[in-house]
Amino acid sequence: MQLWVNLPAAYKMSQPRYQGILNAAIPRVELGQGIYGRVIAVNLFDVGMDAGASGALTLPAGHNSAVVLLRGEITLNGPATLKGAAQVAPLSVEGDSVLLDAAEESLVLILSGEPIN
């Protein structure tokens, strides 16, 4: 996965750079039965889920946030379902958490950032 970050105006002309991250350098946190998170960067999480696993992740209130399904099938906050690969679901800035339920083994990215208008 390659991600580009939109920077605030004061940093727009900064020299671009690449930051590779090896698997061994990524902290892993167990979030519950059959669900773990890996902290890629501040407000960027790689979440793996076994089939049938569920969990809630807290997100900063007021941030632009999205869930990216890399593979599998999940429901978000109840009825919204993502299935397959490369599926994106933007989240409302009104909430402060997202509830994930995996219908099958799934890999998800959770992205969140302060709006820069």
PDB file of N, CA and C in Angstrom:
ATOM      1  N   MET A   1       0.857  -1.169   0.000  1.00  0.00           N
ATOM      2  CA  MET A   1       0.000   0.000   0.000  1.00  0.00           C
ATOM      3  C   MET A   1       0.897   1.224   0.000  1.00  0.00           C
ATOM      4  N   GLN A   2       0.565   2.165  -0.836  1.00  0.00           N
ATOM      5  CA  GLN A   2       1.299   3.426  -0.873  1.00  0.00           C
ATOM      6  C   GLN A   2       0.310   4.536  -0.554  1.00  0.00           C
ATOM      7  N   LEU A   3       0.657   5.389   0.401  1.00  0.00           N
ATOM      8  CA  LEU A   3      -0.213   6.482   0.815  1.00  0.00           C
ATOM      9  C   LEU A   3       0.492   7.815   0.622  1.00  0.00           C
ATOM     10  N   TRP A   4      -0.271   8.802   0.175  1.00  0.00           N
ATOM     11  CA  TRP A   4       0.223  10.171   0.052  1.00  0.00           C
ATOM     12  C   TRP A   4      -0.565  11.008   1.042  1.00  0.00           C
ATOM     13  N   VAL A   5       0.118  11.924   1.701  1.00  0.00           N
ATOM     14  CA  VAL A   5      -0.500  12.734   2.739  1.00  0.00           C
ATOM     15  C   VAL A   5      -0.654  14.170   2.254  1.00  0.00           C
ATOM     16  N   ASN A   6      -1.849  14.727   2.408  1.00  0.00           N
ATOM     17  CA  ASN A   6      -2.107  16.134   2.101  1.00  0.00           C
ATOM     18  C   ASN A   6      -1.659  16.956   3.308  1.00  0.00           C
ATOM     19  N   LEU A   7      -0.703  17.837   3.098  1.00  0.00           N
ATOM     20  CA  LEU A   7      -0.131  18.613   4.197  1.00  0.00           C
ATOM     21  C   LEU A   7      -0.784  19.981   4.327  1.00  0.00           C
ATOM     22  N   PRO A   8      -0.723  20.565   5.529  1.00  0.00           N
ATOM     23  CA  PRO A   8      -1.189  21.940   5.704  1.00  0.00           C
ATOM     24  C   PRO A   8      -0.393  22.887   4.793  1.00  0.00           C
ATOM     25  N   ALA A   9      -0.953  24.030   4.490  1.00  0.00           N
ATOM     26  CA  ALA A   9      -0.366  24.985   3.540  1.00  0.00           C
ATOM     27  C   ALA A   9       1.094  25.307   3.845  1.00  0.00           C
ATOM     28  N   ALA A  10       1.454  25.446   5.106  1.00  0.00           N
ATOM     29  CA  ALA A  10       2.831  25.813   5.480  1.00  0.00           C
ATOM     30  C   ALA A  10       3.854  24.763   5.054  1.00  0.00           C
ATOM     31  N   TYR A  11       3.395  23.528   4.797  1.00  0.00           N
ATOM     32  CA  TYR A  11       4.312  22.440   4.450  1.00  0.00           C
ATOM     33  C   TYR A  11       4.110  21.911   3.033  1.00  0.00           C
ATOM     34  N   LYS A  12       3.262  22.543   2.248  1.00  0.00           N
ATOM     35  CA  LYS A  12       2.924  22.049   0.911  1.00  0.00           C
ATOM     36  C   LYS A  12       4.133  21.866   0.007  1.00  0.00           C
ATOM     37  N   MET A  13       5.111  22.724   0.099  1.00  0.00           N
ATOM     38  CA  MET A  13       6.261  22.653  -0.797  1.00  0.00           C
ATOM     39  C   MET A  13       7.433  21.890  -0.191  1.00  0.00           C
ATOM     40  N   SER A  14       7.198  21.153   0.875  1.00  0.00           N
ATOM     41  CA  SER A  14       8.255  20.331   1.475  1.00  0.00           C
ATOM     42  C   SER A  14       8.730  19.291   0.479  1.00  0.00           C
ATOM     43  N   GLN A  15       9.997  18.926   0.599  1.00  0.00           N
ATOM     44  CA  GLN A  15      10.566  17.899  -0.260  1.00  0.00           C
ATOM     45  C   GLN A  15       9.829  16.572  -0.014  1.00  0.00           C
ATOM     46  N   PRO A  16       9.296  15.931  -1.061  1.00  0.00           N
ATOM     47  CA  PRO A  16       8.645  14.633  -0.868  1.00  0.00           C
ATOM     48  C   PRO A  16       9.659  13.613  -0.356  1.00  0.00           C
ATOM     49  N   ARG A  17       9.168  12.630   0.392  1.00  0.00           N
ATOM     50  CA  ARG A  17      10.070  11.588   0.860  1.00  0.00           C
ATOM     51  C   ARG A  17       9.326  10.266   0.964  1.00  0.00           C
ATOM     52  N   TYR A  18      10.100   9.227   0.927  1.00  0.00           N
ATOM     53  CA  TYR A  18       9.591   7.875   1.043  1.00  0.00           C
ATOM     54  C   TYR A  18       9.961   7.348   2.413  1.00  0.00           C
ATOM     55  N   GLN A  19       9.025   6.654   3.045  1.00  0.00           N
ATOM     56  CA  GLN A  19       9.308   6.035   4.331  1.00  0.00           C
ATOM     57  C   GLN A  19       8.834   4.597   4.273  1.00  0.00           C
ATOM     58  N   GLY A  20       9.767   3.689   4.123  1.00  0.00           N
ATOM     59  CA  GLY A  20       9.437   2.268   4.133  1.00  0.00           C
ATOM     60  C   GLY A  20       9.325   1.783   5.569  1.00  0.00           C
ATOM     61  N   ILE A  21       8.379   0.902   5.828  1.00  0.00           N
ATOM     62  CA  ILE A  21       8.200   0.366   7.173  1.00  0.00           C
ATOM     63  C   ILE A  21       8.197  -1.156   7.072  1.00  0.00           C
ATOM     64  N   LEU A  22       9.135  -1.788   7.753  1.00  0.00           N
ATOM     65  CA  LEU A  22       9.209  -3.239   7.754  1.00  0.00           C
ATOM     66  C   LEU A  22       8.236  -3.823   8.765  1.00  0.00           C
ATOM     67  N   ASN A  23       7.718  -4.992   8.485  1.00  0.00           N
ATOM     68  CA  ASN A  23       6.739  -5.653   9.337  1.00  0.00           C
ATOM     69  C   ASN A  23       7.195  -5.727  10.795  1.00  0.00           C
ATOM     70  N   ALA A  24       8.461  -6.058  11.019  1.00  0.00           N
ATOM     71  CA  ALA A  24       8.980  -6.207  12.380  1.00  0.00           C
ATOM     72  C   ALA A  24       8.973  -4.899  13.163  1.00  0.00           C
ATOM     73  N   ALA A  25       8.905  -3.761  12.469  1.00  0.00           N
ATOM     74  CA  ALA A  25       8.937  -2.456  13.127  1.00  0.00           C
ATOM     75  C   ALA A  25       7.543  -1.909  13.449  1.00  0.00           C
ATOM     76  N   ILE A  26       6.505  -2.660  13.092  1.00  0.00           N
ATOM     77  CA  ILE A  26       5.140  -2.176  13.288  1.00  0.00           C
ATOM     78  C   ILE A  26       4.569  -2.775  14.571  1.00  0.00           C
ATOM     79  N   PRO A  27       4.261  -1.931  15.567  1.00  0.00           N
ATOM     80  CA  PRO A  27       3.688  -2.451  16.812  1.00  0.00           C
ATOM     81  C   PRO A  27       2.324  -3.104  16.573  1.00  0.00           C
ATOM     82  N   ARG A  28       2.079  -4.224  17.237  1.00  0.00           N
ATOM     83  CA  ARG A  28       0.810  -4.951  17.108  1.00  0.00           C
ATOM     84  C   ARG A  28       0.118  -4.958  18.467  1.00  0.00           C
ATOM     85  N   VAL A  29      -1.185  -4.647  18.456  1.00  0.00           N
ATOM     86  CA  VAL A  29      -1.976  -4.589  19.679  1.00  0.00           C
ATOM     87  C   VAL A  29      -3.186  -5.499  19.510  1.00  0.00           C
ATOM     88  N   GLU A  30      -3.398  -6.393  20.458  1.00  0.00           N
ATOM     89  CA  GLU A  30      -4.595  -7.234  20.435  1.00  0.00           C
ATOM     90  C   GLU A  30      -5.769  -6.376  20.885  1.00  0.00           C
ATOM     91  N   LEU A  31      -6.819  -6.328  20.061  1.00  0.00           N
ATOM     92  CA  LEU A  31      -7.981  -5.487  20.345  1.00  0.00           C
ATOM     93  C   LEU A  31      -9.173  -6.282  20.866  1.00  0.00           C
ATOM     94  N   GLY A  32      -9.038  -7.581  20.921  1.00  0.00           N
ATOM     95  CA  GLY A  32     -10.112  -8.454  21.365  1.00  0.00           C
ATOM     96  C   GLY A  32      -9.937  -9.817  20.742  1.00  0.00           C
ATOM     97  N   GLN A  33     -10.912 -10.679  20.960  1.00  0.00           N
ATOM     98  CA  GLN A  33     -10.863 -12.030  20.414  1.00  0.00           C
ATOM     99  C   GLN A  33     -10.893 -11.998  18.889  1.00  0.00           C
ATOM    100  N   GLY A  34      -9.803 -12.398  18.244  1.00  0.00           N
ATOM    101  CA  GLY A  34      -9.766 -12.482  16.792  1.00  0.00           C
ATOM    102  C   GLY A  34      -9.587 -11.164  16.062  1.00  0.00           C
ATOM    103  N   ILE A  35      -9.168 -10.122  16.774  1.00  0.00           N
ATOM    104  CA  ILE A  35      -8.970  -8.825  16.128  1.00  0.00           C
ATOM    105  C   ILE A  35      -7.714  -8.159  16.699  1.00  0.00           C
ATOM    106  N   TYR A  36      -6.870  -7.679  15.800  1.00  0.00           N
ATOM    107  CA  TYR A  36      -5.652  -6.994  16.216  1.00  0.00           C
ATOM    108  C   TYR A  36      -5.481  -5.730  15.384  1.00  0.00           C
ATOM    109  N   GLY A  37      -4.712  -4.812  15.910  1.00  0.00           N
ATOM    110  CA  GLY A  37      -4.390  -3.592  15.175  1.00  0.00           C
ATOM    111  C   GLY A  37      -2.888  -3.408  15.132  1.00  0.00           C
ATOM    112  N   ARG A  38      -2.408  -2.864  14.038  1.00  0.00           N
ATOM    113  CA  ARG A  38      -0.995  -2.508  13.915  1.00  0.00           C
ATOM    114  C   ARG A  38      -0.942  -1.012  13.655  1.00  0.00           C
ATOM    115  N   VAL A  39      -0.127  -0.317  14.425  1.00  0.00           N
ATOM    116  CA  VAL A  39      -0.027   1.136  14.321  1.00  0.00           C
ATOM    117  C   VAL A  39       1.008   1.472  13.250  1.00  0.00           C
ATOM    118  N   ILE A  40       0.532   1.898  12.080  1.00  0.00           N
ATOM    119  CA  ILE A  40       1.410   2.267  10.977  1.00  0.00           C
ATOM    120  C   ILE A  40       1.943   3.681  11.190  1.00  0.00           C
ATOM    121  N   ALA A  41       1.077   4.585  11.607  1.00  0.00           N
ATOM    122  CA  ALA A  41       1.421   5.977  11.901  1.00  0.00           C
ATOM    123  C   ALA A  41       0.320   6.511  12.799  1.00  0.00           C
ATOM    124  N   VAL A  42       0.501   7.713  13.276  1.00  0.00           N
ATOM    125  CA  VAL A  42      -0.560   8.327  14.080  1.00  0.00           C
ATOM    126  C   VAL A  42      -1.824   8.380  13.241  1.00  0.00           C
ATOM    127  N   ASN A  43      -2.878   7.803  13.744  1.00  0.00           N
ATOM    128  CA  ASN A  43      -4.183   7.776  13.083  1.00  0.00           C
ATOM    129  C   ASN A  43      -4.192   6.994  11.768  1.00  0.00           C
ATOM    130  N   LEU A  44      -3.331   5.997  11.648  1.00  0.00           N
ATOM    131  CA  LEU A  44      -3.359   5.061  10.524  1.00  0.00           C
ATOM    132  C   LEU A  44      -3.126   3.667  11.084  1.00  0.00           C
ATOM    133  N   PHE A  45      -4.163   2.850  11.007  1.00  0.00           N
ATOM    134  CA  PHE A  45      -4.128   1.527  11.624  1.00  0.00           C
ATOM    135  C   PHE A  45      -4.439   0.447  10.601  1.00  0.00           C
ATOM    136  N   ASP A  46      -3.702  -0.616  10.673  1.00  0.00           N
ATOM    137  CA  ASP A  46      -3.909  -1.817   9.886  1.00  0.00           C
ATOM    138  C   ASP A  46      -4.597  -2.791  10.833  1.00  0.00           C
ATOM    139  N   VAL A  47      -5.807  -3.219  10.508  1.00  0.00           N
ATOM    140  CA  VAL A  47      -6.584  -4.068  11.411  1.00  0.00           C
ATOM    141  C   VAL A  47      -6.866  -5.399  10.737  1.00  0.00           C
ATOM    142  N   GLY A  48      -6.468  -6.484  11.394  1.00  0.00           N
ATOM    143  CA  GLY A  48      -6.758  -7.824  10.913  1.00  0.00           C
ATOM    144  C   GLY A  48      -7.867  -8.426  11.749  1.00  0.00           C
ATOM    145  N   MET A  49      -8.786  -9.122  11.098  1.00  0.00           N
ATOM    146  CA  MET A  49      -9.933  -9.695  11.799  1.00  0.00           C
ATOM    147  C   MET A  49     -10.174 -11.122  11.339  1.00  0.00           C
ATOM    148  N   ASP A  50     -10.374 -12.023  12.290  1.00  0.00           N
ATOM    149  CA  ASP A  50     -10.806 -13.377  11.977  1.00  0.00           C
ATOM    150  C   ASP A  50     -12.288 -13.348  11.636  1.00  0.00           C
ATOM    151  N   ALA A  51     -12.763 -14.359  10.924  1.00  0.00           N
ATOM    152  CA  ALA A  51     -14.199 -14.475  10.648  1.00  0.00           C
ATOM    153  C   ALA A  51     -14.958 -14.514  11.968  1.00  0.00           C
ATOM    154  N   GLY A  52     -16.005 -13.701  12.083  1.00  0.00           N
ATOM    155  CA  GLY A  52     -16.821 -13.645  13.294  1.00  0.00           C
ATOM    156  C   GLY A  52     -16.325 -12.678  14.347  1.00  0.00           C
ATOM    157  N   ALA A  53     -15.155 -12.094  14.152  1.00  0.00           N
ATOM    158  CA  ALA A  53     -14.619 -11.148  15.139  1.00  0.00           C
ATOM    159  C   ALA A  53     -15.315  -9.804  15.021  1.00  0.00           C
ATOM    160  N   SER A  54     -15.380  -9.084  16.132  1.00  0.00           N
ATOM    161  CA  SER A  54     -15.925  -7.729  16.110  1.00  0.00           C
ATOM    162  C   SER A  54     -15.179  -6.882  17.123  1.00  0.00           C
ATOM    163  N   GLY A  55     -15.191  -5.586  16.886  1.00  0.00           N
ATOM    164  CA  GLY A  55     -14.537  -4.673  17.802  1.00  0.00           C
ATOM    165  C   GLY A  55     -14.842  -3.239  17.448  1.00  0.00           C
ATOM    166  N   ALA A  56     -14.700  -2.370  18.428  1.00  0.00           N
ATOM    167  CA  ALA A  56     -14.919  -0.937  18.227  1.00  0.00           C
ATOM    168  C   ALA A  56     -13.580  -0.227  18.367  1.00  0.00           C
ATOM    169  N   LEU A  57     -13.319   0.691  17.456  1.00  0.00           N
ATOM    170  CA  LEU A  57     -12.106   1.497  17.508  1.00  0.00           C
ATOM    171  C   LEU A  57     -12.480   2.948  17.737  1.00  0.00           C
ATOM    172  N   THR A  58     -11.812   3.589  18.667  1.00  0.00           N
ATOM    173  CA  THR A  58     -12.050   4.993  18.954  1.00  0.00           C
ATOM    174  C   THR A  58     -11.273   5.849  17.966  1.00  0.00           C
ATOM    175  N   LEU A  59     -11.951   6.852  17.422  1.00  0.00           N
ATOM    176  CA  LEU A  59     -11.345   7.796  16.489  1.00  0.00           C
ATOM    177  C   LEU A  59     -11.519   9.206  17.044  1.00  0.00           C
ATOM    178  N   PRO A  60     -10.611  10.118  16.719  1.00  0.00           N
ATOM    179  CA  PRO A  60     -10.751  11.482  17.221  1.00  0.00           C
ATOM    180  C   PRO A  60     -12.015  12.150  16.669  1.00  0.00           C
ATOM    181  N   ALA A  61     -12.816  12.711  17.544  1.00  0.00           N
ATOM    182  CA  ALA A  61     -14.025  13.424  17.125  1.00  0.00           C
ATOM    183  C   ALA A  61     -13.645  14.594  16.237  1.00  0.00           C
ATOM    184  N   GLY A  62     -14.384  14.807  15.169  1.00  0.00           N
ATOM    185  CA  GLY A  62     -14.152  15.918  14.273  1.00  0.00           C
ATOM    186  C   GLY A  62     -13.140  15.651  13.175  1.00  0.00           C
ATOM    187  N   HIS A  63     -12.503  14.498  13.183  1.00  0.00           N
ATOM    188  CA  HIS A  63     -11.530  14.159  12.143  1.00  0.00           C
ATOM    189  C   HIS A  63     -12.218  13.595  10.905  1.00  0.00           C
ATOM    190  N   ASN A  64     -11.610  13.808   9.757  1.00  0.00           N
ATOM    191  CA  ASN A  64     -12.014  13.083   8.558  1.00  0.00           C
ATOM    192  C   ASN A  64     -11.480  11.670   8.726  1.00  0.00           C
ATOM    193  N   SER A  65     -12.340  10.678   8.562  1.00  0.00           N
ATOM    194  CA  SER A  65     -11.933   9.292   8.757  1.00  0.00           C
ATOM    195  C   SER A  65     -12.529   8.418   7.672  1.00  0.00           C
ATOM    196  N   ALA A  66     -11.865   7.297   7.421  1.00  0.00           N
ATOM    197  CA  ALA A  66     -12.357   6.346   6.430  1.00  0.00           C
ATOM    198  C   ALA A  66     -11.883   4.954   6.792  1.00  0.00           C
ATOM    199  N   VAL A  67     -12.650   3.983   6.312  1.00  0.00           N
ATOM    200  CA  VAL A  67     -12.289   2.573   6.428  1.00  0.00           C
ATOM    201  C   VAL A  67     -12.013   2.079   5.016  1.00  0.00           C
ATOM    202  N   VAL A  68     -10.882   1.406   4.831  1.00  0.00           N
ATOM    203  CA  VAL A  68     -10.531   0.823   3.541  1.00  0.00           C
ATOM    204  C   VAL A  68     -10.444  -0.683   3.737  1.00  0.00           C
ATOM    205  N   LEU A  69     -11.334  -1.410   3.090  1.00  0.00           N
ATOM    206  CA  LEU A  69     -11.293  -2.867   3.145  1.00  0.00           C
ATOM    207  C   LEU A  69     -10.301  -3.349   2.095  1.00  0.00           C
ATOM    208  N   LEU A  70      -9.234  -4.000   2.547  1.00  0.00           N
ATOM    209  CA  LEU A  70      -8.238  -4.525   1.618  1.00  0.00           C
ATOM    210  C   LEU A  70      -8.640  -5.908   1.109  1.00  0.00           C
ATOM    211  N   ARG A  71      -9.267  -6.690   1.988  1.00  0.00           N
ATOM    212  CA  ARG A  71      -9.823  -7.985   1.588  1.00  0.00           C
ATOM    213  C   ARG A  71     -10.768  -8.478   2.668  1.00  0.00           C
ATOM    214  N   GLY A  72     -11.760  -9.243   2.256  1.00  0.00           N
ATOM    215  CA  GLY A  72     -12.689  -9.837   3.209  1.00  0.00           C
ATOM    216  C   GLY A  72     -14.090  -9.281   3.087  1.00  0.00           C
ATOM    217  N   GLU A  73     -14.817  -9.337   4.203  1.00  0.00           N
ATOM    218  CA  GLU A  73     -16.177  -8.800   4.276  1.00  0.00           C
ATOM    219  C   GLU A  73     -16.447  -8.326   5.695  1.00  0.00           C
ATOM    220  N   ILE A  74     -16.832  -7.063   5.823  1.00  0.00           N
ATOM    221  CA  ILE A  74     -17.110  -6.474   7.133  1.00  0.00           C
ATOM    222  C   ILE A  74     -18.389  -5.654   7.084  1.00  0.00           C
ATOM    223  N   THR A  75     -18.982  -5.453   8.254  1.00  0.00           N
ATOM    224  CA  THR A  75     -20.040  -4.455   8.397  1.00  0.00           C
ATOM    225  C   THR A  75     -19.485  -3.351   9.288  1.00  0.00           C
ATOM    226  N   LEU A  76     -19.927  -2.123   9.008  1.00  0.00           N
ATOM    227  CA  LEU A  76     -19.497  -0.940   9.749  1.00  0.00           C
ATOM    228  C   LEU A  76     -20.679  -0.350  10.481  1.00  0.00           C
ATOM    229  N   ASN A  77     -20.556  -0.224  11.778  1.00  0.00           N
ATOM    230  CA  ASN A  77     -21.602   0.433  12.576  1.00  0.00           C
ATOM    231  C   ASN A  77     -22.985  -0.126  12.279  1.00  0.00           C
ATOM    232  N   GLY A  78     -23.076  -1.417  12.040  1.00  0.00           N
ATOM    233  CA  GLY A  78     -24.379  -2.047  11.799  1.00  0.00           C
ATOM    234  C   GLY A  78     -24.589  -2.442  10.361  1.00  0.00           C
ATOM    235  N   PRO A  79     -25.471  -1.743   9.634  1.00  0.00           N
ATOM    236  CA  PRO A  79     -25.915  -2.261   8.338  1.00  0.00           C
ATOM    237  C   PRO A  79     -24.977  -2.054   7.151  1.00  0.00           C
ATOM    238  N   ALA A  80     -24.035  -1.121   7.200  1.00  0.00           N
ATOM    239  CA  ALA A  80     -23.180  -0.844   6.037  1.00  0.00           C
ATOM    240  C   ALA A  80     -22.183  -1.987   5.849  1.00  0.00           C
ATOM    241  N   THR A  81     -22.222  -2.637   4.677  1.00  0.00           N
ATOM    242  CA  THR A  81     -21.355  -3.780   4.406  1.00  0.00           C
ATOM    243  C   THR A  81     -20.355  -3.462   3.313  1.00  0.00           C
ATOM    244  N   LEU A  82     -19.116  -3.884   3.526  1.00  0.00           N
ATOM    245  CA  LEU A  82     -18.071  -3.816   2.506  1.00  0.00           C
ATOM    246  C   LEU A  82     -17.627  -5.245   2.240  1.00  0.00           C
ATOM    247  N   LYS A  83     -17.484  -5.598   0.963  1.00  0.00           N
ATOM    248  CA  LYS A  83     -17.070  -6.951   0.607  1.00  0.00           C
ATOM    249  C   LYS A  83     -16.114  -6.894  -0.572  1.00  0.00           C
ATOM    250  N   GLY A  84     -15.073  -7.736  -0.530  1.00  0.00           N
ATOM    251  CA  GLY A  84     -14.141  -7.838  -1.638  1.00  0.00           C
ATOM    252  C   GLY A  84     -12.811  -7.198  -1.311  1.00  0.00           C
ATOM    253  N   ALA A  85     -12.332  -6.379  -2.232  1.00  0.00           N
ATOM    254  CA  ALA A  85     -11.027  -5.735  -2.064  1.00  0.00           C
ATOM    255  C   ALA A  85     -11.111  -4.288  -2.525  1.00  0.00           C
ATOM    256  N   ALA A  86     -10.283  -3.455  -1.926  1.00  0.00           N
ATOM    257  CA  ALA A  86     -10.181  -2.039  -2.289  1.00  0.00           C
ATOM    258  C   ALA A  86     -11.513  -1.307  -2.197  1.00  0.00           C
ATOM    259  N   GLN A  87     -12.272  -1.565  -1.151  1.00  0.00           N
ATOM    260  CA  GLN A  87     -13.540  -0.883  -0.898  1.00  0.00           C
ATOM    261  C   GLN A  87     -13.299   0.214   0.132  1.00  0.00           C
ATOM    262  N   VAL A  88     -13.820   1.413  -0.115  1.00  0.00           N
ATOM    263  CA  VAL A  88     -13.600   2.555   0.774  1.00  0.00           C
ATOM    264  C   VAL A  88     -14.929   3.065   1.309  1.00  0.00           C
ATOM    265  N   ALA A  89     -14.962   3.324   2.610  1.00  0.00           N
ATOM    266  CA  ALA A  89     -16.154   3.895   3.232  1.00  0.00           C
ATOM    267  C   ALA A  89     -15.738   5.094   4.072  1.00  0.00           C
ATOM    268  N   PRO A  90     -16.054   6.329   3.620  1.00  0.00           N
ATOM    269  CA  PRO A  90     -15.784   7.497   4.466  1.00  0.00           C
ATOM    270  C   PRO A  90     -16.719   7.481   5.665  1.00  0.00           C
ATOM    271  N   LEU A  91     -16.233   7.976   6.783  1.00  0.00           N
ATOM    272  CA  LEU A  91     -17.024   8.025   8.007  1.00  0.00           C
ATOM    273  C   LEU A  91     -17.416   9.462   8.315  1.00  0.00           C
ATOM    274  N   SER A  92     -18.464   9.629   9.074  1.00  0.00           N
ATOM    275  CA  SER A  92     -18.920  10.956   9.474  1.00  0.00           C
ATOM    276  C   SER A  92     -17.942  11.579  10.468  1.00  0.00           C
ATOM    277  N   VAL A  93     -17.771  12.893  10.390  1.00  0.00           N
ATOM    278  CA  VAL A  93     -16.933  13.591  11.366  1.00  0.00           C
ATOM    279  C   VAL A  93     -17.647  13.720  12.710  1.00  0.00           C
ATOM    280  N   GLU A  94     -18.918  13.375  12.751  1.00  0.00           N
ATOM    281  CA  GLU A  94     -19.721  13.517  13.969  1.00  0.00           C
ATOM    282  C   GLU A  94     -19.396  12.473  15.035  1.00  0.00           C
ATOM    283  N   GLY A  95     -18.989  11.282  14.645  1.00  0.00           N
ATOM    284  CA  GLY A  95     -18.771  10.220  15.625  1.00  0.00           C
ATOM    285  C   GLY A  95     -17.356  10.203  16.168  1.00  0.00           C
ATOM    286  N   ASP A  96     -17.138   9.313  17.146  1.00  0.00           N
ATOM    287  CA  ASP A  96     -15.800   9.165  17.707  1.00  0.00           C
ATOM    288  C   ASP A  96     -15.369   7.703  17.764  1.00  0.00           C
ATOM    289  N   SER A  97     -16.098   6.831  17.043  1.00  0.00           N
ATOM    290  CA  SER A  97     -15.709   5.432  17.013  1.00  0.00           C
ATOM    291  C   SER A  97     -16.327   4.750  15.794  1.00  0.00           C
ATOM    292  N   VAL A  98     -15.807   3.565  15.492  1.00  0.00           N
ATOM    293  CA  VAL A  98     -16.359   2.746  14.418  1.00  0.00           C
ATOM    294  C   VAL A  98     -16.439   1.312  14.926  1.00  0.00           C
ATOM    295  N   LEU A  99     -17.556   0.666  14.676  1.00  0.00           N
ATOM    296  CA  LEU A  99     -17.768  -0.721  15.062  1.00  0.00           C
ATOM    297  C   LEU A  99     -17.579  -1.586  13.828  1.00  0.00           C
ATOM    298  N   LEU A 100     -16.674  -2.550  13.919  1.00  0.00           N
ATOM    299  CA  LEU A 100     -16.371  -3.452  12.814  1.00  0.00           C
ATOM    300  C   LEU A 100     -16.801  -4.868  13.173  1.00  0.00           C
ATOM    301  N   ASP A 101     -17.479  -5.538  12.264  1.00  0.00           N
ATOM    302  CA  ASP A 101     -17.841  -6.946  12.401  1.00  0.00           C
ATOM    303  C   ASP A 101     -17.383  -7.658  11.139  1.00  0.00           C
ATOM    304  N   ALA A 102     -16.624  -8.736  11.290  1.00  0.00           N
ATOM    305  CA  ALA A 102     -16.095  -9.462  10.138  1.00  0.00           C
ATOM    306  C   ALA A 102     -16.933 -10.701   9.846  1.00  0.00           C
ATOM    307  N   ALA A 103     -17.467 -10.788   8.635  1.00  0.00           N
ATOM    308  CA  ALA A 103     -18.207 -11.974   8.211  1.00  0.00           C
ATOM    309  C   ALA A 103     -17.233 -13.065   7.774  1.00  0.00           C
ATOM    310  N   GLU A 104     -16.035 -12.648   7.353  1.00  0.00           N
ATOM    311  CA  GLU A 104     -14.975 -13.576   6.972  1.00  0.00           C
ATOM    312  C   GLU A 104     -13.648 -12.940   7.347  1.00  0.00           C
ATOM    313  N   GLU A 105     -12.564 -13.696   7.266  1.00  0.00           N
ATOM    314  CA  GLU A 105     -11.261 -13.134   7.587  1.00  0.00           C
ATOM    315  C   GLU A 105     -11.044 -11.886   6.747  1.00  0.00           C
ATOM    316  N   SER A 106     -10.662 -10.785   7.392  1.00  0.00           N
ATOM    317  CA  SER A 106     -10.599  -9.493   6.710  1.00  0.00           C
ATOM    318  C   SER A 106      -9.366  -8.701   7.122  1.00  0.00           C
ATOM    319  N   LEU A 107      -8.938  -7.842   6.220  1.00  0.00           N
ATOM    320  CA  LEU A 107      -7.853  -6.907   6.487  1.00  0.00           C
ATOM    321  C   LEU A 107      -8.342  -5.515   6.125  1.00  0.00           C
ATOM    322  N   VAL A 108      -8.197  -4.573   7.059  1.00  0.00           N
ATOM    323  CA  VAL A 108      -8.795  -3.251   6.948  1.00  0.00           C
ATOM    324  C   VAL A 108      -7.768  -2.181   7.318  1.00  0.00           C
ATOM    325  N   LEU A 109      -7.810  -1.045   6.628  1.00  0.00           N
ATOM    326  CA  LEU A 109      -7.062   0.131   7.048  1.00  0.00           C
ATOM    327  C   LEU A 109      -8.054   1.136   7.627  1.00  0.00           C
ATOM    328  N   ILE A 110      -7.696   1.733   8.729  1.00  0.00           N
ATOM    329  CA  ILE A 110      -8.489   2.808   9.329  1.00  0.00           C
ATOM    330  C   ILE A 110      -7.628   4.061   9.247  1.00  0.00           C
ATOM    331  N   LEU A 111      -8.143   5.083   8.571  1.00  0.00           N
ATOM    332  CA  LEU A 111      -7.416   6.333   8.399  1.00  0.00           C
ATOM    333  C   LEU A 111      -8.186   7.457   9.063  1.00  0.00           C
ATOM    334  N   SER A 112      -7.470   8.364   9.687  1.00  0.00           N
ATOM    335  CA  SER A 112      -8.113   9.488  10.344  1.00  0.00           C
ATOM    336  C   SER A 112      -7.150  10.666  10.328  1.00  0.00           C
ATOM    337  N   GLY A 113      -7.686  11.871  10.103  1.00  0.00           N
ATOM    338  CA  GLY A 113      -6.836  13.043  10.113  1.00  0.00           C
ATOM    339  C   GLY A 113      -7.627  14.297  10.379  1.00  0.00           C
ATOM    340  N   GLU A 114      -6.960  15.250  10.949  1.00  0.00           N
ATOM    341  CA  GLU A 114      -7.587  16.548  11.221  1.00  0.00           C
ATOM    342  C   GLU A 114      -7.880  17.255   9.910  1.00  0.00           C
ATOM    343  N   PRO A 115      -9.106  17.745   9.739  1.00  0.00           N
ATOM    344  CA  PRO A 115      -9.424  18.483   8.498  1.00  0.00           C
ATOM    345  C   PRO A 115      -8.533  19.707   8.361  1.00  0.00           C
ATOM    346  N   ILE A 116      -8.022  19.940   7.143  1.00  0.00           N
ATOM    347  CA  ILE A 116      -7.200  21.126   6.922  1.00  0.00           C
ATOM    348  C   ILE A 116      -7.882  22.105   5.971  1.00  0.00           C
ATOM    349  N   ASN A 117      -9.154  21.853   5.700  1.00  0.00           N
ATOM    350  CA  ASN A 117      -9.963  22.739   4.867  1.00  0.00           C
ATOM    351  C   ASN A 117      -9.320  23.015   3.528  1.00  0.00           C
TER     352      ASN A 117
END
